[in-house]
Amino acid sequence: MDIQVGDRLTMKKGHPCGSKEWIVLRVGMDFRMRCCGCGHEIMVPRSKIEKNIRQVVREENASC
């Protein structure tokens, strides 16, 4: 799966704040992502993220 920094991901499960949208901040073996609802940042293994993605939106200047 080709995911790049700045992409907006819509996940199958929502964050506890209610948002399902995330912005990718770093890509590698782990993803660093920021929740578009509350701004919380997490690092999650690539394998866990790739199976929970519903939609990838490519944006030049992605922001929440």
PDB file of N, CA and C in Angstrom:
ATOM      1  N   MET A   1       0.841  -1.172   0.000  1.00  0.00           N
ATOM      2  CA  MET A   1       0.000   0.000   0.000  1.00  0.00           C
ATOM      3  C   MET A   1       0.887   1.237   0.000  1.00  0.00           C
ATOM      4  N   ASP A   2       0.600   2.179  -0.877  1.00  0.00           N
ATOM      5  CA  ASP A   2       1.422   3.380  -1.016  1.00  0.00           C
ATOM      6  C   ASP A   2       0.799   4.540  -0.251  1.00  0.00           C
ATOM      7  N   ILE A   3       1.280   4.747   0.962  1.00  0.00           N
ATOM      8  CA  ILE A   3       0.798   5.849   1.792  1.00  0.00           C
ATOM      9  C   ILE A   3       1.960   6.804   1.997  1.00  0.00           C
ATOM     10  N   GLN A   4       1.700   8.088   1.844  1.00  0.00           N
ATOM     11  CA  GLN A   4       2.747   9.096   1.946  1.00  0.00           C
ATOM     12  C   GLN A   4       2.416  10.089   3.049  1.00  0.00           C
ATOM     13  N   VAL A   5       3.442  10.823   3.465  1.00  0.00           N
ATOM     14  CA  VAL A   5       3.265  11.863   4.472  1.00  0.00           C
ATOM     15  C   VAL A   5       2.305  12.909   3.916  1.00  0.00           C
ATOM     16  N   GLY A   6       1.351  13.298   4.731  1.00  0.00           N
ATOM     17  CA  GLY A   6       0.365  14.295   4.326  1.00  0.00           C
ATOM     18  C   GLY A   6      -0.953  13.709   3.851  1.00  0.00           C
ATOM     19  N   ASP A   7      -1.021  12.391   3.681  1.00  0.00           N
ATOM     20  CA  ASP A   7      -2.277  11.761   3.272  1.00  0.00           C
ATOM     21  C   ASP A   7      -3.260  11.779   4.431  1.00  0.00           C
ATOM     22  N   ARG A   8      -4.539  11.863   4.089  1.00  0.00           N
ATOM     23  CA  ARG A   8      -5.601  11.783   5.095  1.00  0.00           C
ATOM     24  C   ARG A   8      -6.204  10.383   5.005  1.00  0.00           C
ATOM     25  N   LEU A   9      -6.211   9.671   6.128  1.00  0.00           N
ATOM     26  CA  LEU A   9      -6.728   8.310   6.172  1.00  0.00           C
ATOM     27  C   LEU A   9      -8.066   8.275   6.892  1.00  0.00           C
ATOM     28  N   THR A  10      -9.019   7.553   6.326  1.00  0.00           N
ATOM     29  CA  THR A  10     -10.272   7.273   7.009  1.00  0.00           C
ATOM     30  C   THR A  10     -10.194   5.825   7.471  1.00  0.00           C
ATOM     31  N   MET A  11     -10.337   5.616   8.769  1.00  0.00           N
ATOM     32  CA  MET A  11     -10.176   4.294   9.353  1.00  0.00           C
ATOM     33  C   MET A  11     -11.528   3.622   9.573  1.00  0.00           C
ATOM     34  N   LYS A  12     -11.507   2.294   9.738  1.00  0.00           N
ATOM     35  CA  LYS A  12     -12.731   1.540  10.001  1.00  0.00           C
ATOM     36  C   LYS A  12     -13.276   1.843  11.395  1.00  0.00           C
ATOM     37  N   LYS A  13     -12.383   1.924  12.365  1.00  0.00           N
ATOM     38  CA  LYS A  13     -12.791   2.218  13.742  1.00  0.00           C
ATOM     39  C   LYS A  13     -12.498   3.673  14.064  1.00  0.00           C
ATOM     40  N   GLY A  14     -13.326   4.250  14.879  1.00  0.00           N
ATOM     41  CA  GLY A  14     -13.130   5.646  15.270  1.00  0.00           C
ATOM     42  C   GLY A  14     -12.262   5.791  16.503  1.00  0.00           C
ATOM     43  N   HIS A  15     -11.663   6.954  16.637  1.00  0.00           N
ATOM     44  CA  HIS A  15     -10.904   7.321  17.830  1.00  0.00           C
ATOM     45  C   HIS A  15     -11.920   7.588  18.945  1.00  0.00           C
ATOM     46  N   PRO A  16     -11.577   7.464  20.206  1.00  0.00           N
ATOM     47  CA  PRO A  16     -12.532   7.738  21.283  1.00  0.00           C
ATOM     48  C   PRO A  16     -13.164   9.135  21.220  1.00  0.00           C
ATOM     49  N   CYS A  17     -12.515  10.089  20.558  1.00  0.00           N
ATOM     50  CA  CYS A  17     -13.098  11.430  20.437  1.00  0.00           C
ATOM     51  C   CYS A  17     -14.230  11.458  19.403  1.00  0.00           C
ATOM     52  N   GLY A  18     -14.369  10.387  18.601  1.00  0.00           N
ATOM     53  CA  GLY A  18     -15.444  10.303  17.627  1.00  0.00           C
ATOM     54  C   GLY A  18     -15.012  10.456  16.182  1.00  0.00           C
ATOM     55  N   SER A  19     -13.788  10.887  15.939  1.00  0.00           N
ATOM     56  CA  SER A  19     -13.296  11.097  14.582  1.00  0.00           C
ATOM     57  C   SER A  19     -12.701   9.813  14.008  1.00  0.00           C
ATOM     58  N   LYS A  20     -12.883   9.595  12.705  1.00  0.00           N
ATOM     59  CA  LYS A  20     -12.270   8.463  12.004  1.00  0.00           C
ATOM     60  C   LYS A  20     -11.192   8.941  11.036  1.00  0.00           C
ATOM     61  N   GLU A  21     -10.915  10.235  11.026  1.00  0.00           N
ATOM     62  CA  GLU A  21      -9.950  10.842  10.104  1.00  0.00           C
ATOM     63  C   GLU A  21      -8.609  11.037  10.801  1.00  0.00           C
ATOM     64  N   TRP A  22      -7.533  10.696  10.080  1.00  0.00           N
ATOM     65  CA  TRP A  22      -6.172  10.840  10.582  1.00  0.00           C
ATOM     66  C   TRP A  22      -5.286  11.428   9.495  1.00  0.00           C
ATOM     67  N   ILE A  23      -4.288  12.226   9.887  1.00  0.00           N
ATOM     68  CA  ILE A  23      -3.284  12.766   8.976  1.00  0.00           C
ATOM     69  C   ILE A  23      -1.971  12.026   9.241  1.00  0.00           C
ATOM     70  N   VAL A  24      -1.309  11.575   8.172  1.00  0.00           N
ATOM     71  CA  VAL A  24      -0.043  10.857   8.298  1.00  0.00           C
ATOM     72  C   VAL A  24       1.095  11.870   8.446  1.00  0.00           C
ATOM     73  N   LEU A  25       1.866  11.735   9.525  1.00  0.00           N
ATOM     74  CA  LEU A  25       2.988  12.636   9.796  1.00  0.00           C
ATOM     75  C   LEU A  25       4.333  11.993   9.476  1.00  0.00           C
ATOM     76  N   ARG A  26       4.414  10.655   9.588  1.00  0.00           N
ATOM     77  CA  ARG A  26       5.657   9.937   9.323  1.00  0.00           C
ATOM     78  C   ARG A  26       5.334   8.538   8.829  1.00  0.00           C
ATOM     79  N   VAL A  27       6.132   8.061   7.878  1.00  0.00           N
ATOM     80  CA  VAL A  27       5.921   6.729   7.305  1.00  0.00           C
ATOM     81  C   VAL A  27       7.213   5.932   7.438  1.00  0.00           C
ATOM     82  N   GLY A  28       7.095   4.664   7.752  1.00  0.00           N
ATOM     83  CA  GLY A  28       8.235   3.757   7.883  1.00  0.00           C
ATOM     84  C   GLY A  28       7.698   2.431   8.375  1.00  0.00           C
ATOM     85  N   MET A  29       8.423   1.772   9.259  1.00  0.00           N
ATOM     86  CA  MET A  29       7.908   0.548   9.876  1.00  0.00           C
ATOM     87  C   MET A  29       6.715   0.884  10.757  1.00  0.00           C
ATOM     88  N   ASP A  30       6.708   2.085  11.312  1.00  0.00           N
ATOM     89  CA  ASP A  30       5.590   2.596  12.104  1.00  0.00           C
ATOM     90  C   ASP A  30       5.030   3.822  11.403  1.00  0.00           C
ATOM     91  N   PHE A  31       3.777   4.097  11.634  1.00  0.00           N
ATOM     92  CA  PHE A  31       3.152   5.326  11.155  1.00  0.00           C
ATOM     93  C   PHE A  31       2.982   6.267  12.331  1.00  0.00           C
ATOM     94  N   ARG A  32       3.297   7.535  12.155  1.00  0.00           N
ATOM     95  CA  ARG A  32       2.972   8.558  13.146  1.00  0.00           C
ATOM     96  C   ARG A  32       1.810   9.326  12.558  1.00  0.00           C
ATOM     97  N   MET A  33       0.703   9.381  13.301  1.00  0.00           N
ATOM     98  CA  MET A  33      -0.507   9.988  12.786  1.00  0.00           C
ATOM     99  C   MET A  33      -1.107  10.942  13.806  1.00  0.00           C
ATOM    100  N   ARG A  34      -1.868  11.933  13.303  1.00  0.00           N
ATOM    101  CA  ARG A  34      -2.553  12.904  14.153  1.00  0.00           C
ATOM    102  C   ARG A  34      -4.056  12.796  13.907  1.00  0.00           C
ATOM    103  N   CYS A  35      -4.822  12.692  14.966  1.00  0.00           N
ATOM    104  CA  CYS A  35      -6.278  12.623  14.878  1.00  0.00           C
ATOM    105  C   CYS A  35      -6.814  13.986  14.444  1.00  0.00           C
ATOM    106  N   CYS A  36      -7.728  13.990  13.492  1.00  0.00           N
ATOM    107  CA  CYS A  36      -8.312  15.243  13.018  1.00  0.00           C
ATOM    108  C   CYS A  36      -9.365  15.784  13.974  1.00  0.00           C
ATOM    109  N   GLY A  37      -9.818  14.966  14.907  1.00  0.00           N
ATOM    110  CA  GLY A  37     -10.829  15.421  15.857  1.00  0.00           C
ATOM    111  C   GLY A  37     -10.239  16.157  17.042  1.00  0.00           C
ATOM    112  N   CYS A  38      -9.256  15.540  17.687  1.00  0.00           N
ATOM    113  CA  CYS A  38      -8.727  16.113  18.933  1.00  0.00           C
ATOM    114  C   CYS A  38      -7.250  16.510  18.851  1.00  0.00           C
ATOM    115  N   GLY A  39      -6.555  16.100  17.786  1.00  0.00           N
ATOM    116  CA  GLY A  39      -5.147  16.463  17.642  1.00  0.00           C
ATOM    117  C   GLY A  39      -4.180  15.509  18.325  1.00  0.00           C
ATOM    118  N   HIS A  40      -4.668  14.423  18.892  1.00  0.00           N
ATOM    119  CA  HIS A  40      -3.815  13.443  19.562  1.00  0.00           C
ATOM    120  C   HIS A  40      -2.906  12.751  18.543  1.00  0.00           C
ATOM    121  N   GLU A  41      -1.625  12.582  18.870  1.00  0.00           N
ATOM    122  CA  GLU A  41      -0.673  11.929  17.968  1.00  0.00           C
ATOM    123  C   GLU A  41      -0.317  10.548  18.504  1.00  0.00           C
ATOM    124  N   ILE A  42      -0.259   9.569  17.580  1.00  0.00           N
ATOM    125  CA  ILE A  42       0.070   8.195  17.955  1.00  0.00           C
ATOM    126  C   ILE A  42       1.085   7.622  16.975  1.00  0.00           C
ATOM    127  N   MET A  43       1.783   6.575  17.413  1.00  0.00           N
ATOM    128  CA  MET A  43       2.631   5.783  16.532  1.00  0.00           C
ATOM    129  C   MET A  43       2.099   4.360  16.569  1.00  0.00           C
ATOM    130  N   VAL A  44       1.831   3.808  15.376  1.00  0.00           N
ATOM    131  CA  VAL A  44       1.224   2.480  15.259  1.00  0.00           C
ATOM    132  C   VAL A  44       1.995   1.686  14.214  1.00  0.00           C
ATOM    133  N   PRO A  45       2.203   0.385  14.422  1.00  0.00           N
ATOM    134  CA  PRO A  45       2.884  -0.435  13.417  1.00  0.00           C
ATOM    135  C   PRO A  45       2.154  -0.424  12.071  1.00  0.00           C
ATOM    136  N   ARG A  46       2.922  -0.451  10.994  1.00  0.00           N
ATOM    137  CA  ARG A  46       2.385  -0.406   9.632  1.00  0.00           C
ATOM    138  C   ARG A  46       1.343  -1.505   9.391  1.00  0.00           C
ATOM    139  N   SER A  47       1.624  -2.728   9.852  1.00  0.00           N
ATOM    140  CA  SER A  47       0.718  -3.857   9.596  1.00  0.00           C
ATOM    141  C   SER A  47      -0.668  -3.620  10.200  1.00  0.00           C
ATOM    142  N   LYS A  48      -0.726  -3.016  11.369  1.00  0.00           N
ATOM    143  CA  LYS A  48      -2.004  -2.762  12.029  1.00  0.00           C
ATOM    144  C   LYS A  48      -2.796  -1.680  11.290  1.00  0.00           C
ATOM    145  N   ILE A  49      -2.114  -0.654  10.813  1.00  0.00           N
ATOM    146  CA  ILE A  49      -2.782   0.446  10.115  1.00  0.00           C
ATOM    147  C   ILE A  49      -3.301  -0.004   8.758  1.00  0.00           C
ATOM    148  N   GLU A  50      -2.480  -0.728   7.995  1.00  0.00           N
ATOM    149  CA  GLU A  50      -2.854  -1.092   6.628  1.00  0.00           C
ATOM    150  C   GLU A  50      -4.123  -1.931   6.562  1.00  0.00           C
ATOM    151  N   LYS A  51      -4.382  -2.757   7.564  1.00  0.00           N
ATOM    152  CA  LYS A  51      -5.598  -3.573   7.504  1.00  0.00           C
ATOM    153  C   LYS A  51      -6.829  -2.827   8.025  1.00  0.00           C
ATOM    154  N   ASN A  52      -6.652  -1.660   8.654  1.00  0.00           N
ATOM    155  CA  ASN A  52      -7.783  -0.906   9.182  1.00  0.00           C
ATOM    156  C   ASN A  52      -8.138   0.332   8.365  1.00  0.00           C
ATOM    157  N   ILE A  53      -7.477   0.531   7.229  1.00  0.00           N
ATOM    158  CA  ILE A  53      -7.758   1.705   6.397  1.00  0.00           C
ATOM    159  C   ILE A  53      -8.994   1.467   5.545  1.00  0.00           C
ATOM    160  N   ARG A  54      -9.895   2.434   5.532  1.00  0.00           N
ATOM    161  CA  ARG A  54     -11.071   2.372   4.678  1.00  0.00           C
ATOM    162  C   ARG A  54     -10.857   3.197   3.408  1.00  0.00           C
ATOM    163  N   GLN A  55     -10.216   4.379   3.537  1.00  0.00           N
ATOM    164  CA  GLN A  55     -10.032   5.270   2.388  1.00  0.00           C
ATOM    165  C   GLN A  55      -8.768   6.107   2.583  1.00  0.00           C
ATOM    166  N   VAL A  56      -8.059   6.372   1.478  1.00  0.00           N
ATOM    167  CA  VAL A  56      -6.878   7.236   1.498  1.00  0.00           C
ATOM    168  C   VAL A  56      -7.170   8.429   0.606  1.00  0.00           C
ATOM    169  N   VAL A  57      -7.036   9.641   1.156  1.00  0.00           N
ATOM    170  CA  VAL A  57      -7.244  10.863   0.380  1.00  0.00           C
ATOM    171  C   VAL A  57      -5.910  11.580   0.276  1.00  0.00           C
ATOM    172  N   ARG A  58      -5.422  11.726  -0.943  1.00  0.00           N
ATOM    173  CA  ARG A  58      -4.151  12.432  -1.177  1.00  0.00           C
ATOM    174  C   ARG A  58      -4.421  13.935  -1.174  1.00  0.00           C
ATOM    175  N   GLU A  59      -3.705  14.640  -0.317  1.00  0.00           N
ATOM    176  CA  GLU A  59      -3.863  16.090  -0.242  1.00  0.00           C
ATOM    177  C   GLU A  59      -2.488  16.736  -0.210  1.00  0.00           C
ATOM    178  N   GLU A  60      -2.344  17.825  -0.928  1.00  0.00           N
ATOM    179  CA  GLU A  60      -1.076  18.548  -0.953  1.00  0.00           C
ATOM    180  C   GLU A  60      -0.763  19.136   0.422  1.00  0.00           C
ATOM    181  N   ASN A  61      -1.673  19.886   0.961  1.00  0.00           N
ATOM    182  CA  ASN A  61      -1.487  20.505   2.288  1.00  0.00           C
ATOM    183  C   ASN A  61      -2.576  20.010   3.226  1.00  0.00           C
ATOM    184  N   ALA A  62      -2.456  18.762   3.629  1.00  0.00           N
ATOM    185  CA  ALA A  62      -3.491  18.160   4.477  1.00  0.00           C
ATOM    186  C   ALA A  62      -3.467  18.804   5.853  1.00  0.00           C
ATOM    187  N   SER A  63      -4.616  19.170   6.313  1.00  0.00           N
ATOM    188  CA  SER A  63      -4.758  19.685   7.657  1.00  0.00           C
ATOM    189  C   SER A  63      -6.131  19.300   8.173  1.00  0.00           C
ATOM    190  N   CYS A  64      -6.284  19.315   9.463  1.00  0.00           N
ATOM    191  CA  CYS A  64      -7.554  18.922  10.057  1.00  0.00           C
ATOM    192  C   CYS A  64      -8.408  20.129  10.359  1.00  0.00           C
TER     193      CYS A  64
END
